[in-house]
Amino acid sequence: MPHVCGEHLVFASSKLIILDKILQKCQKEKKQTLIFSGFTRILDIVQDYMNMRQFRYARLDGMSISIRQDMY
């Protein structure tokens, strides 16, 4: 079965319902928002949501191993 994004994505979780309300308000007010998660699966869901709503976003979880090693 193909992957389908739709309103059911938002209504599957009360956290996404709240996120939807907050981000739509921020979008109207032209405010930037930072969403943090330590879980890439959650970021995948948020990315699907952002694409569905046609919000601009930048996903910042792509650090390479060498960059992480230099940080410590």
N, C-alpha and C. Protein backbone atom coordinates (compact mmCIF):
# COMPACT_ATOMS: atom_id res chain seq x y z
N MET A 1 0.85 -1.20 0.00
CA MET A 1 0.00 0.00 0.00
C MET A 1 0.89 1.25 0.00
N PRO A 2 0.63 2.22 -0.88
CA PRO A 2 1.45 3.42 -0.96
C PRO A 2 1.27 4.32 0.27
N HIS A 3 2.30 5.09 0.55
CA HIS A 3 2.28 6.04 1.66
C HIS A 3 1.42 7.24 1.27
N VAL A 4 0.41 7.55 2.07
CA VAL A 4 -0.51 8.65 1.76
C VAL A 4 -0.54 9.61 2.94
N CYS A 5 -0.26 10.90 2.69
CA CYS A 5 -0.37 11.94 3.71
C CYS A 5 -1.70 12.65 3.53
N GLY A 6 -2.37 12.87 4.64
CA GLY A 6 -3.63 13.59 4.60
C GLY A 6 -3.98 14.07 6.00
N GLU A 7 -5.16 14.59 6.14
CA GLU A 7 -5.61 15.12 7.44
C GLU A 7 -5.58 14.06 8.53
N HIS A 8 -5.68 12.79 8.15
CA HIS A 8 -5.61 11.74 9.16
C HIS A 8 -4.27 11.76 9.90
N LEU A 9 -3.23 12.29 9.27
CA LEU A 9 -1.93 12.42 9.90
C LEU A 9 -2.03 13.32 11.13
N VAL A 10 -2.74 14.43 11.00
CA VAL A 10 -2.89 15.38 12.11
C VAL A 10 -3.77 14.78 13.21
N PHE A 11 -4.86 14.17 12.84
CA PHE A 11 -5.83 13.69 13.83
C PHE A 11 -5.43 12.37 14.47
N ALA A 12 -4.30 11.81 14.08
CA ALA A 12 -3.83 10.55 14.68
C ALA A 12 -3.24 10.78 16.07
N SER A 13 -2.90 12.02 16.41
CA SER A 13 -2.25 12.31 17.68
C SER A 13 -2.70 13.66 18.19
N SER A 14 -3.01 13.73 19.49
CA SER A 14 -3.41 15.02 20.06
C SER A 14 -2.24 16.00 20.04
N LYS A 15 -1.01 15.49 20.10
CA LYS A 15 0.16 16.37 20.02
C LYS A 15 0.26 17.01 18.64
N LEU A 16 -0.07 16.26 17.59
CA LEU A 16 -0.05 16.85 16.25
C LEU A 16 -1.19 17.84 16.05
N ILE A 17 -2.32 17.62 16.71
CA ILE A 17 -3.42 18.59 16.63
C ILE A 17 -2.97 19.93 17.21
N ILE A 18 -2.31 19.89 18.38
CA ILE A 18 -1.81 21.11 19.01
C ILE A 18 -0.72 21.74 18.15
N LEU A 19 0.21 20.92 17.66
CA LEU A 19 1.28 21.42 16.79
C LEU A 19 0.70 22.10 15.56
N ASP A 20 -0.33 21.50 14.99
CA ASP A 20 -0.99 22.07 13.81
C ASP A 20 -1.54 23.46 14.10
N LYS A 21 -2.20 23.61 15.24
CA LYS A 21 -2.76 24.92 15.61
C LYS A 21 -1.66 25.95 15.83
N ILE A 22 -0.60 25.55 16.53
CA ILE A 22 0.50 26.47 16.81
C ILE A 22 1.20 26.90 15.52
N LEU A 23 1.53 25.92 14.67
CA LEU A 23 2.27 26.25 13.45
C LEU A 23 1.44 27.06 12.46
N GLN A 24 0.15 26.81 12.39
CA GLN A 24 -0.68 27.62 11.50
C GLN A 24 -0.75 29.06 11.98
N LYS A 25 -0.81 29.26 13.31
CA LYS A 25 -0.81 30.62 13.86
C LYS A 25 0.53 31.30 13.58
N CYS A 26 1.64 30.57 13.79
CA CYS A 26 2.96 31.13 13.52
C CYS A 26 3.12 31.47 12.04
N GLN A 27 2.57 30.64 11.18
CA GLN A 27 2.64 30.88 9.74
C GLN A 27 1.93 32.19 9.38
N LYS A 28 0.75 32.40 9.96
CA LYS A 28 0.01 33.64 9.68
C LYS A 28 0.77 34.86 10.16
N GLU A 29 1.46 34.73 11.31
CA GLU A 29 2.20 35.85 11.89
C GLU A 29 3.62 35.94 11.36
N LYS A 30 3.96 35.06 10.41
CA LYS A 30 5.28 35.02 9.78
C LYS A 30 6.41 34.85 10.80
N LYS A 31 6.18 33.99 11.79
CA LYS A 31 7.18 33.69 12.81
C LYS A 31 7.88 32.38 12.47
N GLN A 32 9.15 32.30 12.84
CA GLN A 32 9.90 31.07 12.66
C GLN A 32 9.74 30.22 13.91
N THR A 33 9.83 28.91 13.75
CA THR A 33 9.63 27.98 14.85
C THR A 33 10.69 26.90 14.79
N LEU A 34 11.16 26.49 15.95
CA LEU A 34 12.10 25.39 16.05
C LEU A 34 11.41 24.21 16.72
N ILE A 35 11.48 23.06 16.08
CA ILE A 35 10.92 21.82 16.64
C ILE A 35 12.09 20.88 16.88
N PHE A 36 12.22 20.41 18.12
CA PHE A 36 13.31 19.51 18.46
C PHE A 36 12.76 18.14 18.81
N SER A 37 13.43 17.12 18.31
CA SER A 37 13.14 15.75 18.72
C SER A 37 14.42 14.94 18.63
N GLY A 38 14.63 14.08 19.58
CA GLY A 38 15.78 13.19 19.56
C GLY A 38 15.52 11.94 18.75
N PHE A 39 14.33 11.82 18.18
CA PHE A 39 13.95 10.62 17.44
C PHE A 39 13.73 10.96 15.98
N THR A 40 14.49 10.32 15.10
CA THR A 40 14.37 10.63 13.67
C THR A 40 13.01 10.20 13.12
N ARG A 41 12.38 9.19 13.70
CA ARG A 41 11.05 8.76 13.23
C ARG A 41 10.03 9.87 13.44
N ILE A 42 10.13 10.58 14.55
CA ILE A 42 9.24 11.72 14.81
C ILE A 42 9.51 12.81 13.79
N LEU A 43 10.77 13.06 13.49
CA LEU A 43 11.10 14.06 12.47
C LEU A 43 10.57 13.67 11.10
N ASP A 44 10.53 12.37 10.82
CA ASP A 44 9.93 11.90 9.56
C ASP A 44 8.45 12.25 9.50
N ILE A 45 7.75 12.07 10.61
CA ILE A 45 6.31 12.39 10.67
C ILE A 45 6.11 13.89 10.53
N VAL A 46 6.92 14.67 11.24
CA VAL A 46 6.81 16.13 11.16
C VAL A 46 7.13 16.60 9.74
N GLN A 47 8.10 15.96 9.10
CA GLN A 47 8.42 16.31 7.71
C GLN A 47 7.22 16.04 6.79
N ASP A 48 6.56 14.90 6.96
CA ASP A 48 5.36 14.61 6.18
C ASP A 48 4.29 15.66 6.42
N TYR A 49 4.12 16.06 7.67
CA TYR A 49 3.14 17.09 8.02
C TYR A 49 3.50 18.42 7.34
N MET A 50 4.77 18.82 7.42
CA MET A 50 5.20 20.09 6.83
C MET A 50 4.97 20.10 5.31
N ASN A 51 5.27 18.98 4.67
CA ASN A 51 5.03 18.87 3.23
C ASN A 51 3.53 18.93 2.93
N MET A 52 2.72 18.28 3.75
CA MET A 52 1.27 18.28 3.53
C MET A 52 0.71 19.71 3.63
N ARG A 53 1.18 20.48 4.61
CA ARG A 53 0.71 21.86 4.81
C ARG A 53 1.44 22.86 3.91
N GLN A 54 2.43 22.39 3.17
CA GLN A 54 3.24 23.23 2.29
C GLN A 54 3.96 24.34 3.06
N PHE A 55 4.44 23.98 4.27
CA PHE A 55 5.26 24.89 5.06
C PHE A 55 6.71 24.72 4.65
N ARG A 56 7.46 25.82 4.65
CA ARG A 56 8.90 25.74 4.40
C ARG A 56 9.57 25.27 5.69
N TYR A 57 10.58 24.43 5.54
CA TYR A 57 11.28 23.92 6.72
C TYR A 57 12.70 23.52 6.33
N ALA A 58 13.53 23.40 7.33
CA ALA A 58 14.88 22.86 7.15
C ALA A 58 15.08 21.80 8.22
N ARG A 59 15.46 20.63 7.80
CA ARG A 59 15.68 19.52 8.73
C ARG A 59 17.18 19.45 9.03
N LEU A 60 17.52 19.52 10.31
CA LEU A 60 18.92 19.65 10.71
C LEU A 60 19.44 18.41 11.43
N ASP A 61 19.08 17.24 10.99
CA ASP A 61 19.55 16.04 11.67
C ASP A 61 20.58 15.28 10.85
N GLY A 62 21.19 15.92 9.88
CA GLY A 62 22.08 15.22 8.97
C GLY A 62 23.56 15.40 9.24
N MET A 63 23.96 15.61 10.51
CA MET A 63 25.38 15.77 10.80
C MET A 63 26.14 14.49 10.49
N SER A 64 27.30 14.63 9.90
CA SER A 64 28.11 13.45 9.60
C SER A 64 28.85 13.00 10.86
N ILE A 65 29.35 11.78 10.83
CA ILE A 65 30.07 11.22 11.97
C ILE A 65 31.31 12.04 12.29
N SER A 66 32.03 12.50 11.28
CA SER A 66 33.26 13.26 11.51
C SER A 66 32.96 14.58 12.23
N ILE A 67 31.86 15.23 11.89
CA ILE A 67 31.49 16.49 12.57
C ILE A 67 31.17 16.20 14.03
N ARG A 68 30.43 15.13 14.31
CA ARG A 68 30.11 14.78 15.69
C ARG A 68 31.37 14.48 16.49
N GLN A 69 32.33 13.78 15.89
CA GLN A 69 33.56 13.43 16.59
C GLN A 69 34.37 14.68 16.90
N ASP A 70 34.35 15.68 16.01
CA ASP A 70 35.07 16.92 16.23
C ASP A 70 34.46 17.74 17.37
N MET A 71 33.17 17.52 17.65
CA MET A 71 32.50 18.27 18.70
C MET A 71 32.95 17.83 20.09
N TYR A 72 33.48 16.63 20.23
CA TYR A 72 33.81 16.11 21.56
C TYR A 72 35.29 16.07 21.81
